[in-house]
PDB file of N, CA and C in Angstrom:
ATOM      1  N   GLU A   1      40.035  52.006  -1.450  1.00  0.00           N
ATOM      2  CA  GLU A   1      40.076  52.765  -2.698  1.00  0.00           C
ATOM      3  C   GLU A   1      39.299  52.011  -3.766  1.00  0.00           C
ATOM      4  N   TRP A   2      38.236  52.634  -4.274  1.00  0.00           N
ATOM      5  CA  TRP A   2      37.361  51.943  -5.227  1.00  0.00           C
ATOM      6  C   TRP A   2      37.839  52.121  -6.659  1.00  0.00           C
ATOM      7  N   PHE A   3      38.361  53.307  -6.991  1.00  0.00           N
ATOM      8  CA  PHE A   3      38.602  53.618  -8.392  1.00  0.00           C
ATOM      9  C   PHE A   3      40.078  53.569  -8.761  1.00  0.00           C
ATOM     10  N   THR A   4      40.864  52.768  -8.054  1.00  0.00           N
ATOM     11  CA  THR A   4      42.264  52.614  -8.438  1.00  0.00           C
ATOM     12  C   THR A   4      42.429  51.299  -9.183  1.00  0.00           C
ATOM     13  N   PHE A   5      42.049  51.306 -10.471  1.00  0.00           N
ATOM     14  CA  PHE A   5      42.184  50.091 -11.275  1.00  0.00           C
ATOM     15  C   PHE A   5      43.653  49.867 -11.623  1.00  0.00           C
ATOM     16  N   TYR A   6      44.363  50.954 -11.935  1.00  0.00           N
ATOM     17  CA  TYR A   6      45.785  50.859 -12.253  1.00  0.00           C
ATOM     18  C   TYR A   6      46.548  51.814 -11.339  1.00  0.00           C
ATOM     19  N   GLU A   7      47.870  51.653 -11.331  1.00  0.00           N
ATOM     20  CA  GLU A   7      48.665  52.485 -10.438  1.00  0.00           C
ATOM     21  C   GLU A   7      48.867  53.882 -11.001  1.00  0.00           C
ATOM     22  N   THR A   8      48.834  54.014 -12.332  1.00  0.00           N
ATOM     23  CA  THR A   8      49.078  55.324 -12.926  1.00  0.00           C
ATOM     24  C   THR A   8      47.761  56.009 -13.254  1.00  0.00           C
ATOM     25  N   PRO A   9      47.650  57.300 -12.999  1.00  0.00           N
ATOM     26  CA  PRO A   9      46.399  58.031 -13.279  1.00  0.00           C
ATOM     27  C   PRO A   9      46.050  58.054 -14.760  1.00  0.00           C
ATOM     28  N   GLN A  10      47.070  57.988 -15.640  1.00  0.00           N
ATOM     29  CA  GLN A  10      46.788  58.014 -17.072  1.00  0.00           C
ATOM     30  C   GLN A  10      45.965  56.804 -17.483  1.00  0.00           C
ATOM     31  N   LEU A  11      46.322  55.625 -16.962  1.00  0.00           N
ATOM     32  CA  LEU A  11      45.561  54.427 -17.308  1.00  0.00           C
ATOM     33  C   LEU A  11      44.166  54.478 -16.705  1.00  0.00           C
ATOM     34  N   ASN A  12      44.040  55.100 -15.533  1.00  0.00           N
ATOM     35  CA  ASN A  12      42.704  55.273 -14.963  1.00  0.00           C
ATOM     36  C   ASN A  12      41.848  56.162 -15.854  1.00  0.00           C
ATOM     37  N   LEU A  13      42.427  57.249 -16.370  1.00  0.00           N
ATOM     38  CA  LEU A  13      41.678  58.135 -17.255  1.00  0.00           C
ATOM     39  C   LEU A  13      41.298  57.417 -18.537  1.00  0.00           C
ATOM     40  N   LEU A  14      42.213  56.604 -19.080  1.00  0.00           N
ATOM     41  CA  LEU A  14      41.887  55.847 -20.288  1.00  0.00           C
ATOM     42  C   LEU A  14      40.770  54.855 -20.023  1.00  0.00           C
ATOM     43  N   THR A  15      40.808  54.214 -18.860  1.00  0.00           N
ATOM     44  CA  THR A  15      39.763  53.239 -18.529  1.00  0.00           C
ATOM     45  C   THR A  15      38.405  53.918 -18.417  1.00  0.00           C
ATOM     46  N   VAL A  16      38.363  55.061 -17.733  1.00  0.00           N
ATOM     47  CA  VAL A  16      37.099  55.790 -17.598  1.00  0.00           C
ATOM     48  C   VAL A  16      36.634  56.286 -18.962  1.00  0.00           C
ATOM     49  N   PHE A  17      37.579  56.788 -19.778  1.00  0.00           N
ATOM     50  CA  PHE A  17      37.210  57.321 -21.088  1.00  0.00           C
ATOM     51  C   PHE A  17      36.615  56.242 -21.973  1.00  0.00           C
ATOM     52  N   PHE A  18      37.291  55.078 -22.049  1.00  0.00           N
ATOM     53  CA  PHE A  18      36.771  54.012 -22.901  1.00  0.00           C
ATOM     54  C   PHE A  18      35.496  53.414 -22.331  1.00  0.00           C
ATOM     55  N   GLY A  19      35.380  53.383 -21.008  1.00  0.00           N
ATOM     56  CA  GLY A  19      34.141  52.903 -20.406  1.00  0.00           C
ATOM     57  C   GLY A  19      32.972  53.783 -20.793  1.00  0.00           C
ATOM     58  N   VAL A  20      33.149  55.105 -20.689  1.00  0.00           N
ATOM     59  CA  VAL A  20      32.083  56.033 -21.083  1.00  0.00           C
ATOM     60  C   VAL A  20      31.848  55.957 -22.586  1.00  0.00           C
ATOM     61  N   PHE A  21      32.954  55.832 -23.349  1.00  0.00           N
ATOM     62  CA  PHE A  21      32.856  55.829 -24.810  1.00  0.00           C
ATOM     63  C   PHE A  21      32.046  54.644 -25.309  1.00  0.00           C
ATOM     64  N   PHE A  22      32.166  53.500 -24.614  1.00  0.00           N
ATOM     65  CA  PHE A  22      31.419  52.318 -25.053  1.00  0.00           C
ATOM     66  C   PHE A  22      30.064  52.192 -24.368  1.00  0.00           C
ATOM     67  N   LEU A  23      29.925  52.731 -23.159  1.00  0.00           N
ATOM     68  CA  LEU A  23      28.660  52.570 -22.436  1.00  0.00           C
ATOM     69  C   LEU A  23      27.600  53.558 -22.892  1.00  0.00           C
ATOM     70  N   VAL A  24      28.013  54.807 -23.170  1.00  0.00           N
ATOM     71  CA  VAL A  24      27.029  55.838 -23.502  1.00  0.00           C
ATOM     72  C   VAL A  24      26.224  55.505 -24.760  1.00  0.00           C
ATOM     73  N   PRO A  25      26.841  55.085 -25.885  1.00  0.00           N
ATOM     74  CA  PRO A  25      26.026  54.717 -27.052  1.00  0.00           C
ATOM     75  C   PRO A  25      25.094  53.546 -26.772  1.00  0.00           C
ATOM     76  N   GLY A  26      25.537  52.594 -25.964  1.00  0.00           N
ATOM     77  CA  GLY A  26      24.666  51.475 -25.616  1.00  0.00           C
ATOM     78  C   GLY A  26      23.476  51.924 -24.793  1.00  0.00           C
ATOM     79  N   ILE A  27      23.716  52.836 -23.837  1.00  0.00           N
ATOM     80  CA  ILE A  27      22.614  53.342 -23.013  1.00  0.00           C
ATOM     81  C   ILE A  27      21.647  54.159 -23.862  1.00  0.00           C
ATOM     82  N   ILE A  28      22.184  54.981 -24.775  1.00  0.00           N
ATOM     83  CA  ILE A  28      21.324  55.805 -25.629  1.00  0.00           C
ATOM     84  C   ILE A  28      20.473  54.924 -26.531  1.00  0.00           C
ATOM     85  N   SER A  29      21.076  53.905 -27.132  1.00  0.00           N
ATOM     86  CA  SER A  29      20.299  53.022 -28.004  1.00  0.00           C
ATOM     87  C   SER A  29      19.260  52.250 -27.203  1.00  0.00           C
ATOM     88  N   ALA A  30      19.609  51.850 -25.985  1.00  0.00           N
ATOM     89  CA  ALA A  30      18.639  51.142 -25.147  1.00  0.00           C
ATOM     90  C   ALA A  30      17.475  52.061 -24.788  1.00  0.00           C
ATOM     91  N   LEU A  31      17.771  53.318 -24.449  1.00  0.00           N
ATOM     92  CA  LEU A  31      16.699  54.260 -24.121  1.00  0.00           C
ATOM     93  C   LEU A  31      15.836  54.541 -25.342  1.00  0.00           C
ATOM     94  N   LYS A  32      16.459  54.624 -26.527  1.00  0.00           N
ATOM     95  CA  LYS A  32      15.674  54.834 -27.744  1.00  0.00           C
ATOM     96  C   LYS A  32      14.748  53.650 -27.987  1.00  0.00           C
ATOM     97  N   ASN A  33      15.243  52.448 -27.746  1.00  0.00           N
ATOM     98  CA  ASN A  33      14.401  51.267 -27.945  1.00  0.00           C
ATOM     99  C   ASN A  33      13.268  51.221 -26.931  1.00  0.00           C
ATOM    100  N   VAL A  34      13.513  51.692 -25.717  1.00  0.00           N
ATOM    101  CA  VAL A  34      12.476  51.643 -24.685  1.00  0.00           C
ATOM    102  C   VAL A  34      11.412  52.710 -24.933  1.00  0.00           C
ATOM    103  N   PHE A  35      11.854  53.929 -25.248  1.00  0.00           N
ATOM    104  CA  PHE A  35      10.915  55.052 -25.302  1.00  0.00           C
ATOM    105  C   PHE A  35      10.340  55.299 -26.687  1.00  0.00           C
ATOM    106  N   SER A  36      10.828  54.590 -27.715  1.00  0.00           N
ATOM    107  CA  SER A  36      10.275  54.797 -29.047  1.00  0.00           C
ATOM    108  C   SER A  36       9.118  53.834 -29.277  1.00  0.00           C
ATOM    109  N   PRO A  37       8.004  54.328 -29.835  1.00  0.00           N
ATOM    110  CA  PRO A  37       6.885  53.430 -30.150  1.00  0.00           C
ATOM    111  C   PRO A  37       7.251  52.477 -31.273  1.00  0.00           C
ATOM    112  N   ARG A  38       6.517  51.392 -31.377  1.00  0.00           N
ATOM    113  CA  ARG A  38       6.876  50.365 -32.356  1.00  0.00           C
ATOM    114  C   ARG A  38       6.584  50.823 -33.778  1.00  0.00           C
ATOM    115  N   HIS A  39       5.614  51.698 -33.971  1.00  0.00           N
ATOM    116  CA  HIS A  39       5.299  52.204 -35.305  1.00  0.00           C
ATOM    117  C   HIS A  39       5.886  53.602 -35.476  1.00  0.00           C
ATOM    118  N   TYR A  40       7.139  53.738 -35.044  1.00  0.00           N
ATOM    119  CA  TYR A  40       7.767  55.061 -35.076  1.00  0.00           C
ATOM    120  C   TYR A  40       8.131  55.453 -36.501  1.00  0.00           C
ATOM    121  N   SER A  41       8.561  54.488 -37.318  1.00  0.00           N
ATOM    122  CA  SER A  41       8.983  54.799 -38.676  1.00  0.00           C
ATOM    123  C   SER A  41       7.788  55.177 -39.546  1.00  0.00           C
ATOM    124  N   ASN A  42       6.592  54.689 -39.202  1.00  0.00           N
ATOM    125  CA  ASN A  42       5.409  54.996 -39.996  1.00  0.00           C
ATOM    126  C   ASN A  42       4.889  56.399 -39.696  1.00  0.00           C
ATOM    127  N   SER A  43       4.871  56.781 -38.439  1.00  0.00           N
ATOM    128  CA  SER A  43       4.336  58.092 -38.071  1.00  0.00           C
ATOM    129  C   SER A  43       5.483  59.087 -37.952  1.00  0.00           C
ATOM    130  N   SER A  44       5.746  59.803 -39.034  1.00  0.00           N
ATOM    131  CA  SER A  44       6.805  60.810 -39.012  1.00  0.00           C
ATOM    132  C   SER A  44       6.165  62.187 -39.030  1.00  0.00           C
ATOM    133  N   LYS A  45       6.318  62.918 -37.899  1.00  0.00           N
ATOM    134  CA  LYS A  45       5.712  64.244 -37.814  1.00  0.00           C
ATOM    135  C   LYS A  45       6.792  65.305 -38.030  1.00  0.00           C
TER     136      LYS A  45
END
């Protein structure tokens, strides 16, 4: 069993929720940093 971090399903849902809640903004900011050009603030279309 890979996804049984805790014995109760409620704690598993909380773990997944907080994991997504903290990982998604980090991934989005990382993708913005990768795909945005360095002179992005200067060229506003």
